Amino acid sequence: MDLTELEIFRTVAQEQSVTRAAAVLDRAQSNVTTRVKQLEESLGVSLFRRDSKRMMLTPEGQRFLGYANRLLALAEEARQSMQQAVPTGRLRIGSMEAAAASRLPHPLARFHQQWPDVEVEIQTGTTQFLADAVAGHRLDCAIVAHPSPELSRSGPSPEFGAGLEGTYLFTEELVLVVPASHKRVRRPSDLEVRSLAAFARGCTYRQCALDWLGSEGDGVQREIKVLEMSSYHAMLASVSAGAAVAIVPKSLLEQHRYTLDVQTVNLRKVHSYLIRREGFHTVAYEAFLEELQRV
């Protein structure tokens, strides 16, 4: 077993196809097939379940993928650690959708201009999804939000997951977006629209909205239906149509302030952090963090 075999295995697992994996890796299909078979023979298990269209991981393959991710991430970290002065290699960044839209473009542009040799990969998702991906070595770092109102500048962040630590980046003001035609909203009981447009479970902002909606403390149980959506555009469209309310960072909402006819309710502040595995360090990561912290 070597790192090349692990990289080929991981790419086939991601693409679910030898043909697509060969194109990504710039290798002959026969070479990819041979290396996968050699890896399976050395491990003594079948890693893929093959059919006419896709190559799906077996339970053993799924388990081995976790090891492959960790080994490849550690090898990349070790390689980069030898390059003490100049950021190189690959940096896999995760981000919440809102941060990717409103907070990342300028730092990433500066980072790329200064360090063009760093290969940047970006993935978006909920806080829980991103934290799991960092812990599982599928991402090197991620911008996530923490529900606690208390601010911690840096250090271990067990709330995100065991073995993770975070560095404070910025604070967002969350607002509840309500249809323009709705009566004025001062408290949860004022809401006549009982549907919340939000991301999937694991989203910190979604939990903040649900906490506020149940915060009146009058003992009355008020049902709220969550409409899971994959983008803020879809959420805001649902609000404009009068079908739902949504929770959105004010910084993102300001990008749409000339095109939306909605009303907003200030809810609370939420702190955001760049998390990584404890002990993880590369020159590329440090350079990226420095760009994020620039005012």
Protein backbone atom coordinates (compact mmCIF):
# COMPACT_ATOMS: atom_id res chain seq x y z
CA MET A 1 0.00 0.00 0.00
CA ASP A 2 1.34 3.43 -0.92
CA LEU A 3 0.02 6.99 -1.07
CA THR A 4 -0.61 6.79 -4.81
CA GLU A 5 -2.91 3.80 -4.31
CA LEU A 6 -4.72 5.64 -1.54
CA GLU A 7 -5.24 8.70 -3.74
CA ILE A 8 -6.55 6.55 -6.60
CA PHE A 9 -8.88 4.70 -4.23
CA ARG A 10 -10.22 7.95 -2.75
CA THR A 11 -10.81 9.49 -6.17
CA VAL A 12 -12.72 6.43 -7.43
CA ALA A 13 -14.78 6.54 -4.21
CA GLN A 14 -15.56 10.22 -4.77
CA GLU A 15 -16.35 9.90 -8.48
CA GLN A 16 -18.05 6.49 -8.19
CA SER A 17 -16.52 5.72 -11.57
CA VAL A 18 -13.16 4.47 -12.86
CA THR A 19 -13.64 6.50 -16.04
CA ARG A 20 -14.23 9.79 -14.21
CA ALA A 21 -11.49 9.05 -11.68
CA ALA A 22 -9.00 8.38 -14.49
CA ALA A 23 -9.88 11.74 -16.06
CA VAL A 24 -9.44 13.55 -12.73
CA LEU A 25 -6.12 11.82 -12.05
CA ASP A 26 -4.93 12.06 -15.69
CA ARG A 27 -4.28 8.31 -15.75
CA ALA A 28 -5.28 5.48 -18.06
CA GLN A 29 -8.45 3.67 -16.99
CA SER A 30 -6.59 0.36 -17.03
CA ASN A 31 -4.02 1.77 -14.61
CA VAL A 32 -6.71 2.96 -12.20
CA THR A 33 -8.46 -0.42 -12.34
CA THR A 34 -5.20 -2.30 -11.76
CA ARG A 35 -4.18 -0.17 -8.79
CA VAL A 36 -7.58 -0.58 -7.13
CA LYS A 37 -7.41 -4.36 -7.60
CA GLN A 38 -3.89 -4.43 -6.17
CA LEU A 39 -5.05 -2.49 -3.13
CA GLU A 40 -7.98 -4.85 -2.60
CA GLU A 41 -5.67 -7.86 -2.88
CA SER A 42 -3.20 -6.42 -0.37
CA LEU A 43 -6.04 -5.75 2.11
CA GLY A 44 -7.82 -9.02 1.45
CA VAL A 45 -11.25 -7.38 1.06
CA SER A 46 -13.47 -5.95 -1.68
CA LEU A 47 -13.56 -2.17 -1.41
CA PHE A 48 -16.14 -1.55 -4.14
CA ARG A 49 -19.41 -3.05 -5.24
CA ARG A 50 -19.42 -2.84 -9.01
CA ASP A 51 -22.43 -2.53 -11.30
CA SER A 52 -22.89 -1.31 -14.85
CA LYS A 53 -23.03 2.38 -13.97
CA ARG A 54 -21.36 3.07 -10.62
CA MET A 55 -18.74 1.83 -8.24
CA MET A 56 -20.12 1.97 -4.73
CA LEU A 57 -18.12 1.46 -1.56
CA THR A 58 -18.68 -1.74 0.38
CA PRO A 59 -18.91 -1.46 4.19
CA GLU A 60 -15.20 -2.34 4.28
CA GLY A 61 -14.49 0.29 1.64
CA GLN A 62 -16.42 2.92 3.60
CA ARG A 63 -14.41 2.10 6.70
CA PHE A 64 -11.12 2.15 4.78
CA LEU A 65 -11.98 5.55 3.25
CA GLY A 66 -11.74 7.10 6.70
CA TYR A 67 -8.22 5.74 7.11
CA ALA A 68 -7.27 6.85 3.60
CA ASN A 69 -8.46 10.40 4.28
CA ARG A 70 -6.45 10.58 7.49
CA LEU A 71 -3.29 9.12 5.95
CA LEU A 72 -3.41 11.40 2.91
CA ALA A 73 -4.14 14.47 5.04
CA LEU A 74 -1.23 13.65 7.36
CA ALA A 75 1.10 13.09 4.40
CA GLU A 76 0.13 16.46 2.92
CA GLU A 77 0.58 18.17 6.27
CA ALA A 78 4.02 16.57 6.66
CA ARG A 79 5.03 17.64 3.16
CA GLN A 80 3.92 21.20 3.72
CA SER A 81 5.63 21.37 7.12
CA MET A 82 8.95 20.90 5.33
CA GLN A 83 8.24 24.07 3.31
CA GLN A 84 8.84 26.41 6.21
CA ALA A 85 8.71 29.74 4.38
CA VAL A 86 6.37 29.52 1.40
CA PRO A 87 2.76 28.25 1.36
CA THR A 88 2.35 25.45 -1.18
CA GLY A 89 0.28 22.32 -1.71
CA ARG A 90 -3.43 21.98 -1.11
CA LEU A 91 -5.69 23.69 1.42
CA ARG A 92 -9.20 22.25 1.86
CA ILE A 93 -11.51 24.91 3.29
CA GLY A 94 -15.05 24.50 4.55
CA SER A 95 -17.51 27.33 5.08
CA MET A 96 -21.10 28.05 5.93
CA GLU A 97 -23.05 29.33 2.91
CA ALA A 98 -23.42 32.85 4.29
CA ALA A 99 -19.72 33.21 5.11
CA ALA A 100 -18.76 31.87 1.68
CA ALA A 101 -20.91 34.55 0.06
CA SER A 102 -20.16 37.57 2.23
CA ARG A 103 -16.89 36.92 4.09
CA LEU A 104 -14.64 34.76 1.91
CA PRO A 105 -14.37 36.42 -1.53
CA HIS A 106 -11.95 39.23 -0.63
CA PRO A 107 -9.64 37.19 1.67
CA LEU A 108 -9.50 34.38 -0.88
CA ALA A 109 -8.69 36.82 -3.69
CA ARG A 110 -5.82 38.30 -1.67
CA PHE A 111 -4.63 34.83 -0.67
CA HIS A 112 -4.60 33.59 -4.28
CA GLN A 113 -2.84 36.72 -5.51
CA GLN A 114 -0.08 36.32 -2.93
CA TRP A 115 0.19 32.52 -2.96
CA PRO A 116 -0.91 31.27 -6.41
CA ASP A 117 0.83 27.91 -5.93
CA VAL A 118 -1.61 26.85 -3.20
CA GLU A 119 -4.43 24.70 -4.54
CA VAL A 120 -7.58 25.81 -2.70
CA GLU A 121 -10.63 23.56 -2.43
CA ILE A 122 -13.86 24.95 -0.95
CA GLN A 123 -16.87 23.06 0.37
CA THR A 124 -19.97 24.51 1.99
CA GLY A 125 -22.36 22.99 4.50
CA THR A 126 -23.88 23.29 7.95
CA THR A 127 -21.73 23.79 11.03
CA GLN A 128 -22.16 20.16 12.08
CA PHE A 129 -21.34 18.83 8.61
CA LEU A 130 -18.20 20.96 8.41
CA ALA A 131 -17.03 20.08 11.93
CA ASP A 132 -17.43 16.39 11.15
CA ALA A 133 -15.48 16.84 7.91
CA VAL A 134 -12.59 18.57 9.72
CA ALA A 135 -12.52 15.89 12.41
CA GLY A 136 -12.63 13.20 9.71
CA HIS A 137 -9.68 14.72 7.79
CA ARG A 138 -11.88 15.52 4.77
CA LEU A 139 -11.27 19.25 5.35
CA ASP A 140 -8.28 21.06 6.83
CA CYS A 141 -10.26 23.91 8.37
CA ALA A 142 -13.75 25.41 8.28
CA ILE A 143 -15.60 28.61 9.11
CA VAL A 144 -18.46 27.71 11.44
CA ALA A 145 -20.82 29.43 13.88
CA HIS A 146 -21.16 28.66 17.57
CA PRO A 147 -24.52 29.03 19.35
CA SER A 148 -23.01 30.17 22.66
CA PRO A 149 -23.30 33.93 23.28
CA GLU A 150 -19.96 33.85 25.11
CA LEU A 151 -16.92 34.73 23.03
CA SER A 152 -13.80 32.55 23.12
CA ARG A 153 -10.88 33.98 21.18
CA SER A 154 -9.04 30.67 20.61
CA GLY A 155 -8.34 27.24 21.97
CA PRO A 156 -10.00 23.80 22.09
CA SER A 157 -13.64 23.77 21.03
CA PRO A 158 -15.20 20.55 22.33
CA GLU A 159 -18.65 21.86 21.42
CA PHE A 160 -17.69 21.45 17.76
CA GLY A 161 -16.30 17.96 18.38
CA ALA A 162 -13.53 16.18 20.23
CA GLY A 163 -10.06 17.11 19.05
CA LEU A 164 -11.05 20.40 17.40
CA GLU A 165 -9.92 23.92 18.23
CA GLY A 166 -11.16 27.24 16.98
CA THR A 167 -9.92 30.80 16.39
CA TYR A 168 -12.44 33.64 16.57
CA LEU A 169 -13.03 35.46 13.28
CA PHE A 170 -16.13 37.67 13.38
CA THR A 171 -19.58 38.18 14.87
CA GLU A 172 -22.76 38.10 12.81
CA GLU A 173 -26.05 39.85 13.62
CA LEU A 174 -28.86 37.41 12.88
CA VAL A 175 -32.22 38.73 11.71
CA LEU A 176 -35.52 37.01 11.15
CA VAL A 177 -36.81 37.88 7.67
CA VAL A 178 -40.60 38.20 7.47
CA PRO A 179 -42.90 38.88 4.48
CA ALA A 180 -43.42 42.60 3.91
CA SER A 181 -47.21 42.24 4.16
CA HIS A 182 -47.01 40.61 7.60
CA LYS A 183 -48.06 42.63 10.62
CA ARG A 184 -45.20 44.01 12.68
CA VAL A 185 -43.35 41.30 14.62
CA ARG A 186 -42.02 42.07 18.10
CA ARG A 187 -42.17 38.61 19.68
CA PRO A 188 -42.61 34.97 18.53
CA SER A 189 -46.37 35.00 19.22
CA ASP A 190 -46.81 37.78 16.63
CA LEU A 191 -45.88 35.42 13.80
CA GLU A 192 -48.78 34.34 11.62
CA VAL A 193 -46.55 32.43 9.19
CA ARG A 194 -45.64 29.19 10.96
CA SER A 195 -43.07 27.87 8.47
CA LEU A 196 -39.33 28.44 8.83
CA ALA A 197 -37.14 28.21 5.71
CA ALA A 198 -33.75 26.92 6.85
CA PHE A 199 -30.83 24.64 6.09
CA ALA A 200 -30.71 21.02 7.26
CA ARG A 201 -30.20 19.92 10.87
CA GLY A 202 -26.77 20.85 12.13
CA CYS A 203 -27.11 24.49 11.05
CA THR A 204 -26.37 26.81 13.98
CA TYR A 205 -28.55 29.60 12.57
CA ARG A 206 -31.52 27.25 12.24
CA GLN A 207 -31.15 26.28 15.90
CA CYS A 208 -30.94 29.94 16.91
CA ALA A 209 -34.21 30.63 15.09
CA LEU A 210 -35.96 27.67 16.73
CA ASP A 211 -34.67 28.77 20.15
CA TRP A 212 -36.08 32.27 19.61
CA LEU A 213 -39.40 30.96 18.37
CA GLY A 214 -39.77 28.97 21.58
CA SER A 215 -38.47 31.68 23.90
CA GLU A 216 -41.67 33.47 24.89
CA GLY A 217 -41.93 31.56 28.16
CA ASP A 218 -45.73 31.71 28.40
CA GLY A 219 -46.20 27.95 28.40
CA VAL A 220 -47.99 27.96 25.06
CA GLN A 221 -46.73 25.32 22.60
CA ARG A 222 -46.54 26.84 19.12
CA GLU A 223 -45.91 24.52 16.20
CA ILE A 224 -43.37 25.57 13.60
CA LYS A 225 -42.80 23.70 10.36
CA VAL A 226 -39.24 23.68 9.05
CA LEU A 227 -38.86 23.81 5.27
CA GLU A 228 -35.35 22.57 4.53
CA MET A 229 -33.72 24.39 1.63
CA SER A 230 -30.27 24.35 0.05
CA SER A 231 -29.68 28.07 -0.52
CA TYR A 232 -30.45 31.52 0.87
CA HIS A 233 -31.90 32.50 -2.51
CA ALA A 234 -34.58 29.84 -2.10
CA MET A 235 -35.23 30.92 1.49
CA LEU A 236 -35.61 34.59 0.59
CA ALA A 237 -37.85 33.70 -2.35
CA SER A 238 -40.10 31.75 0.02
CA VAL A 239 -40.28 34.74 2.36
CA SER A 240 -41.11 37.12 -0.49
CA ALA A 241 -43.89 34.76 -1.54
CA GLY A 242 -45.35 34.83 1.97
CA ALA A 243 -44.76 31.10 2.44
CA ALA A 244 -42.21 31.22 5.25
CA VAL A 245 -39.93 33.23 7.49
CA ALA A 246 -36.17 32.75 7.49
CA ILE A 247 -33.12 33.52 9.61
CA VAL A 248 -30.30 35.28 7.77
CA PRO A 249 -27.06 37.07 8.75
CA LYS A 250 -27.47 40.80 8.29
CA SER A 251 -24.23 40.97 6.28
CA LEU A 252 -25.71 38.66 3.63
CA LEU A 253 -29.10 40.34 3.62
CA GLU A 254 -27.47 43.69 2.88
CA GLN A 255 -26.26 42.28 -0.43
CA HIS A 256 -29.93 42.00 -1.46
CA ARG A 257 -31.28 45.15 0.18
CA TYR A 258 -32.23 46.82 -3.13
CA THR A 259 -34.17 43.84 -4.51
CA LEU A 260 -36.09 42.52 -1.48
CA ASP A 261 -39.32 43.83 -0.04
CA VAL A 262 -39.31 42.25 3.42
CA GLN A 263 -39.22 43.26 7.06
CA THR A 264 -36.66 42.08 9.58
CA VAL A 265 -36.52 41.35 13.29
CA ASN A 266 -33.20 41.52 15.12
CA LEU A 267 -32.66 38.24 17.00
CA ARG A 268 -29.13 37.95 18.40
CA LYS A 269 -25.41 37.96 17.68
CA VAL A 270 -23.55 34.77 16.80
CA HIS A 271 -19.77 34.32 16.84
CA SER A 272 -17.94 32.56 14.01
CA TYR A 273 -14.66 30.67 14.20
CA LEU A 274 -12.10 28.99 11.97
CA ILE A 275 -11.79 25.46 13.33
CA ARG A 276 -9.08 22.88 12.72
CA ARG A 277 -7.87 19.65 14.27
CA GLU A 278 -5.78 20.18 17.39
CA GLY A 279 -2.12 20.23 16.36
CA PHE A 280 -2.83 20.72 12.66
CA HIS A 281 -0.40 23.22 11.18
CA THR A 282 0.76 24.14 7.70
CA VAL A 283 2.20 27.35 6.32
CA ALA A 284 -0.74 27.59 3.90
CA TYR A 285 -3.24 27.38 6.78
CA GLU A 286 -1.44 30.11 8.73
CA ALA A 287 -1.35 32.37 5.67
CA PHE A 288 -5.07 31.82 5.08
CA LEU A 289 -5.92 32.58 8.72
CA GLU A 290 -3.87 35.76 8.50
CA GLU A 291 -5.93 36.91 5.48
CA LEU A 292 -9.20 36.16 7.29
CA GLN A 293 -8.09 38.22 10.28
CA ARG A 294 -7.16 41.28 8.20
CA VAL A 295 -9.63 44.10 8.66
